[in-house]
Amino acid sequence: MTEDRNRFPDILPPILPKKGLVYQESNAQLVLCKPKLLPLKSVTLEKLEKLQEDANNKVKEMIEDRQVDTQMDFDKAEENGEVPQQQADVLTLDD
């Protein structure tokens, strides 16, 4: 401590109170750690996207199958000379 006073005369000696609380200020020091790479998409998000894609593919297949079945029904009716009746996809007053 005496060396510090000799080298730096502007430093004041610490004054400790005889009564009461003593506080000490400390500066937090930064701790460098290894950077962590985060995935761009979480695993859960990838699973949800895959489920959504599978559901969309199933719906497309069902629509295509229904169109093929409807077309086959029309073709059969035309071969028999009948006029095919179109059915509404929504409820009508007659139902």
Protein backbone atom coordinates (compact mmCIF):
# COMPACT_ATOMS: atom_id res chain seq x y z
CA MET A 1 0.00 0.00 0.00
CA THR A 2 2.85 2.36 0.74
CA GLU A 3 4.29 1.68 -2.70
CA ASP A 4 1.00 2.71 -4.26
CA ARG A 5 1.01 5.95 -2.32
CA ASN A 6 4.54 6.69 -3.43
CA ARG A 7 3.82 5.88 -7.07
CA PHE A 8 0.39 7.50 -7.15
CA PRO A 9 0.17 10.36 -4.67
CA ASP A 10 -3.38 11.22 -5.82
CA ILE A 11 -4.80 7.98 -4.36
CA LEU A 12 -6.67 8.57 -1.11
CA PRO A 13 -6.37 6.01 1.66
CA PRO A 14 -9.59 4.09 2.31
CA ILE A 15 -11.67 5.26 5.25
CA LEU A 16 -13.57 2.52 7.06
CA PRO A 17 -16.44 3.51 9.34
CA LYS A 18 -16.39 2.26 12.89
CA LYS A 19 -20.20 1.82 12.99
CA GLY A 20 -22.79 0.86 10.38
CA LEU A 21 -22.59 -1.08 7.18
CA VAL A 22 -19.65 -1.27 4.85
CA TYR A 23 -20.43 -1.49 1.16
CA GLN A 24 -18.01 -2.62 -1.47
CA GLU A 25 -18.56 -1.80 -5.09
CA SER A 26 -17.48 -4.44 -7.51
CA ASN A 27 -17.50 -4.41 -11.26
CA ALA A 28 -18.77 -7.54 -12.88
CA GLN A 29 -16.25 -8.98 -15.26
CA LEU A 30 -17.22 -10.48 -18.54
CA VAL A 31 -16.73 -14.19 -18.93
CA LEU A 32 -16.16 -15.32 -22.47
CA CYS A 33 -17.73 -18.62 -23.36
CA LYS A 34 -18.02 -20.73 -26.44
CA PRO A 35 -20.73 -19.42 -28.80
CA LYS A 36 -23.78 -21.64 -29.08
CA LEU A 37 -25.27 -22.23 -32.50
CA LEU A 38 -29.02 -22.25 -32.51
CA PRO A 39 -30.96 -24.06 -35.23
CA LEU A 40 -32.90 -21.88 -37.63
CA LYS A 41 -35.97 -24.05 -37.09
CA SER A 42 -36.82 -25.94 -33.96
CA VAL A 43 -37.46 -29.67 -34.07
CA THR A 44 -41.09 -29.11 -33.11
CA LEU A 45 -41.58 -26.62 -35.94
CA GLU A 46 -40.08 -29.08 -38.43
CA LYS A 47 -42.45 -31.83 -37.20
CA LEU A 48 -45.45 -29.52 -37.50
CA GLU A 49 -44.45 -28.52 -41.03
CA LYS A 50 -44.07 -32.19 -42.00
CA LEU A 51 -47.51 -33.03 -40.55
CA GLN A 52 -49.05 -30.09 -42.42
CA GLU A 53 -47.39 -31.18 -45.67
CA ASP A 54 -48.64 -34.76 -45.23
CA ALA A 55 -52.18 -33.51 -44.54
CA ASN A 56 -52.08 -31.30 -47.65
CA ASN A 57 -50.88 -34.23 -49.77
CA LYS A 58 -53.72 -36.46 -48.46
CA VAL A 59 -56.30 -33.79 -49.25
CA LYS A 60 -54.92 -33.40 -52.79
CA GLU A 61 -55.05 -37.18 -53.30
CA MET A 62 -58.64 -37.32 -52.03
CA ILE A 63 -59.67 -34.50 -54.37
CA GLU A 64 -57.99 -36.20 -57.33
CA ASP A 65 -59.64 -39.55 -56.49
CA ARG A 66 -63.04 -37.88 -56.22
CA GLN A 67 -62.57 -36.14 -59.56
CA VAL A 68 -61.56 -39.42 -61.19
CA ASP A 69 -64.59 -41.20 -59.68
CA THR A 70 -66.92 -38.41 -60.80
CA GLN A 71 -65.49 -38.48 -64.31
CA MET A 72 -65.92 -42.27 -64.46
CA ASP A 73 -69.56 -41.93 -63.36
CA PHE A 74 -70.21 -39.35 -66.09
CA ASP A 75 -68.50 -41.55 -68.69
CA LYS A 76 -70.60 -44.60 -67.71
CA ALA A 77 -73.81 -42.56 -67.79
CA GLU A 78 -72.98 -41.22 -71.26
CA GLU A 79 -72.28 -44.75 -72.53
CA ASN A 80 -75.69 -45.89 -71.29
CA GLY A 81 -77.36 -42.87 -72.89
CA GLU A 82 -78.38 -41.36 -69.58
CA VAL A 83 -78.01 -37.74 -68.64
CA PRO A 84 -75.84 -37.63 -65.53
CA GLN A 85 -77.28 -35.79 -62.56
CA GLN A 86 -74.96 -33.39 -60.86
CA GLN A 87 -74.94 -33.41 -57.10
CA ALA A 88 -74.23 -30.32 -55.06
CA ASP A 89 -71.38 -30.39 -52.59
CA VAL A 90 -73.39 -28.28 -50.18
CA LEU A 91 -76.75 -28.81 -48.56
CA THR A 92 -79.71 -27.61 -50.56
CA LEU A 93 -83.28 -26.90 -49.49
CA ASP A 94 -84.39 -30.21 -50.99
CA ASP A 95 -82.17 -32.18 -48.61
